[in-house]
Amino acid sequence: MKASARRRPRPPAVATQLLRDERGIASIEFAFVMVLAVMVIIGTVELAMEMIVDAMVQAAAQEASRVGLTTTAPATGTRVQQAQKIVENILGGWRNIGATIKVTELNYGSYGYNNAASTTYVPTQDMGGYGDVVAYNVQLTMPGFTGIPAMFGVPLLTFQRNFLVQNEK
């Protein structure tokens, strides 16, 4: 007589049915894909908003640089104050979400030396005279809109534009 072969115990019928059941697979796949899709959508919105801010900084710098093109003295205040007022009018709304705005100007004269004996040139902090070249720097620093940049180690975004303008004679 042969020794009886050991039989493996059969899994219960319920477990077999559950392993073969394909209902709900679409829901599980949707859950995986949806997370990725939402991240792509939020990233696209973040990028679009950053492009809008960048374009506004560009426009503010262009407008502020036009202050130096005129050779007449402003009726009130200084050219620096006028430039800051123009930039504030264009970019001031971003302060509501924690943005900081900075406008700086440097007078480079005519890109020459201050005097014949000098070998180095040091720019001054004024708007210059006729024919002087003035550099405008407009900088806006703000947190990201969605928090995605902060997740990648960029807590603050900086948008900056520089313009060089020669005062009209």
Protein backbone atom coordinates (compact mmCIF):
# COMPACT_ATOMS: atom_id res chain seq x y z
CA MET A 1 0.00 0.00 0.00
CA LYS A 2 1.18 3.45 -0.85
CA ALA A 3 1.58 6.14 1.65
CA SER A 4 -1.01 8.78 1.13
CA ALA A 5 0.35 12.06 -0.22
CA ARG A 6 -0.24 14.99 1.96
CA ARG A 7 -2.74 17.34 0.53
CA ARG A 8 -2.43 21.03 0.86
CA PRO A 9 -5.35 22.53 2.61
CA ARG A 10 -7.57 24.44 0.26
CA PRO A 11 -8.15 28.07 1.01
CA PRO A 12 -11.65 28.88 1.98
CA ALA A 13 -13.93 29.66 -0.93
CA VAL A 14 -14.39 33.25 0.26
CA ALA A 15 -10.63 34.02 0.07
CA THR A 16 -10.41 32.59 -3.43
CA GLN A 17 -13.35 34.65 -4.55
CA LEU A 18 -11.82 37.83 -3.12
CA LEU A 19 -8.48 37.23 -4.85
CA ARG A 20 -10.17 36.77 -8.21
CA ASP A 21 -12.63 39.61 -7.80
CA GLU A 22 -11.71 42.55 -10.06
CA ARG A 23 -14.41 44.95 -8.95
CA GLY A 24 -13.03 48.20 -7.52
CA ILE A 25 -9.73 48.05 -9.45
CA ALA A 26 -10.66 51.24 -11.31
CA SER A 27 -11.20 53.05 -8.02
CA ILE A 28 -7.76 52.06 -6.77
CA GLU A 29 -6.10 53.09 -10.04
CA PHE A 30 -8.00 56.38 -9.97
CA ALA A 31 -6.75 57.10 -6.45
CA PHE A 32 -3.12 56.64 -7.54
CA VAL A 33 -3.47 58.69 -10.72
CA MET A 34 -5.54 61.44 -9.09
CA VAL A 35 -2.78 62.33 -6.63
CA LEU A 36 -0.36 62.83 -9.52
CA ALA A 37 -2.94 64.74 -11.59
CA VAL A 38 -3.75 67.14 -8.73
CA MET A 39 -0.03 67.81 -8.16
CA VAL A 40 0.43 68.62 -11.85
CA ILE A 41 -2.58 70.96 -11.84
CA ILE A 42 -1.45 72.78 -8.69
CA GLY A 43 2.10 73.06 -10.09
CA THR A 44 0.73 74.56 -13.30
CA VAL A 45 -1.27 77.14 -11.35
CA GLU A 46 1.84 78.01 -9.29
CA LEU A 47 3.95 78.45 -12.42
CA ALA A 48 1.29 80.60 -14.11
CA MET A 49 0.99 82.88 -11.08
CA GLU A 50 4.78 83.24 -10.90
CA MET A 51 4.87 84.20 -14.57
CA ILE A 52 2.22 86.88 -13.93
CA VAL A 53 4.25 88.30 -11.03
CA ASP A 54 7.41 88.26 -13.15
CA ALA A 55 5.67 90.19 -15.94
CA MET A 56 4.39 92.74 -13.43
CA VAL A 57 7.89 93.26 -12.01
CA GLN A 58 9.11 93.81 -15.59
CA ALA A 59 6.40 96.43 -16.20
CA ALA A 60 7.10 98.17 -12.88
CA ALA A 61 10.82 98.39 -13.62
CA GLN A 62 10.17 99.83 -17.07
CA GLU A 63 7.81 102.46 -15.68
CA ALA A 64 10.20 103.37 -12.85
CA SER A 65 13.13 103.70 -15.24
CA ARG A 66 11.22 106.34 -17.22
CA VAL A 67 11.45 108.67 -14.22
CA GLY A 68 15.16 109.12 -14.94
CA LEU A 69 14.60 109.98 -18.58
CA THR A 70 13.16 113.37 -17.76
CA THR A 71 15.57 116.17 -16.99
CA THR A 72 13.13 118.32 -15.04
CA ALA A 73 13.07 118.15 -11.30
CA PRO A 74 9.91 116.58 -9.86
CA ALA A 75 7.30 118.98 -8.47
CA THR A 76 7.22 117.10 -5.17
CA GLY A 77 9.78 114.77 -3.66
CA THR A 78 12.74 113.25 -5.48
CA ARG A 79 13.07 111.01 -8.51
CA VAL A 80 13.76 108.12 -6.16
CA GLN A 81 10.46 108.72 -4.37
CA GLN A 82 8.65 108.98 -7.71
CA ALA A 83 10.14 105.68 -8.88
CA GLN A 84 9.15 103.99 -5.62
CA LYS A 85 5.62 105.36 -5.91
CA ILE A 86 5.27 104.01 -9.46
CA VAL A 87 6.53 100.57 -8.42
CA GLU A 88 4.25 100.58 -5.37
CA ASN A 89 1.22 101.38 -7.56
CA ILE A 90 1.96 98.42 -9.84
CA LEU A 91 3.18 95.84 -7.32
CA GLY A 92 1.58 97.02 -4.07
CA GLY A 93 -1.25 94.48 -4.22
CA TRP A 94 1.19 91.62 -3.68
CA ARG A 95 1.91 92.92 -0.17
CA ASN A 96 -1.40 91.32 0.89
CA ILE A 97 0.21 87.88 0.64
CA GLY A 98 3.46 88.84 2.36
CA ALA A 99 5.54 90.31 -0.47
CA THR A 100 8.29 92.85 0.12
CA ILE A 101 9.18 95.40 -2.55
CA LYS A 102 12.56 97.08 -2.88
CA VAL A 103 13.61 99.75 -5.39
CA THR A 104 17.22 100.86 -5.66
CA GLU A 105 18.94 103.28 -8.03
CA LEU A 106 22.63 103.81 -8.66
CA ASN A 107 24.09 106.72 -10.59
CA TYR A 108 27.01 105.56 -12.72
CA GLY A 109 27.74 109.00 -14.17
CA SER A 110 28.91 108.45 -17.70
CA TYR A 111 30.70 105.18 -16.84
CA GLY A 112 33.88 107.22 -16.45
CA TYR A 113 36.08 107.74 -13.43
CA ASN A 114 35.19 110.33 -10.80
CA ASN A 115 38.42 112.19 -11.42
CA ALA A 116 41.56 111.75 -13.45
CA ALA A 117 43.62 110.50 -10.49
CA SER A 118 41.11 107.80 -9.57
CA THR A 119 41.47 104.27 -10.93
CA THR A 120 38.28 102.91 -9.43
CA TYR A 121 34.73 104.06 -9.94
CA VAL A 122 32.24 104.18 -7.09
CA PRO A 123 28.57 104.71 -8.05
CA THR A 124 26.52 107.21 -6.06
CA GLN A 125 23.04 106.79 -4.61
CA ASP A 126 21.35 109.64 -6.48
CA MET A 127 19.47 110.01 -9.75
CA GLY A 128 22.31 111.82 -11.48
CA GLY A 129 22.46 114.77 -13.78
CA TYR A 130 22.14 115.26 -17.50
CA GLY A 131 23.74 112.46 -19.47
CA ASP A 132 24.38 110.29 -16.43
CA VAL A 133 23.58 106.60 -16.58
CA VAL A 134 21.30 105.38 -13.80
CA ALA A 135 20.70 101.72 -12.92
CA TYR A 136 17.30 100.80 -11.52
CA ASN A 137 16.75 97.58 -9.61
CA VAL A 138 13.22 96.46 -8.74
CA GLN A 139 12.98 93.41 -6.47
CA LEU A 140 9.89 91.65 -5.17
CA THR A 141 10.26 88.83 -2.63
CA MET A 142 7.27 86.70 -1.65
CA PRO A 143 6.26 83.20 -0.54
CA GLY A 144 4.90 80.78 -3.14
CA PHE A 145 1.18 80.68 -3.81
CA THR A 146 0.56 76.98 -3.23
CA GLY A 147 3.40 75.92 -0.96
CA ILE A 148 4.98 73.69 -3.59
CA PRO A 149 8.23 75.75 -3.79
CA ALA A 150 8.56 75.50 0.01
CA MET A 151 8.24 71.71 -0.25
CA PHE A 152 11.35 71.78 -2.46
CA GLY A 153 13.34 74.02 -0.12
CA VAL A 154 12.48 77.42 -1.66
CA PRO A 155 10.52 79.30 1.04
CA LEU A 156 10.71 82.69 -0.71
CA LEU A 157 10.57 83.55 -4.40
CA THR A 158 12.54 86.57 -5.65
CA PHE A 159 11.64 88.42 -8.83
CA GLN A 160 14.11 91.06 -9.95
CA ARG A 161 14.65 93.38 -12.90
CA ASN A 162 17.47 95.80 -13.67
CA PHE A 163 17.32 98.68 -16.13
CA LEU A 164 19.98 101.10 -17.24
CA VAL A 165 18.81 104.52 -18.36
CA GLN A 166 20.80 107.51 -19.58
CA ASN A 167 19.28 110.76 -18.38
CA GLU A 168 18.31 112.97 -21.31
CA LYS A 169 20.26 116.10 -22.00
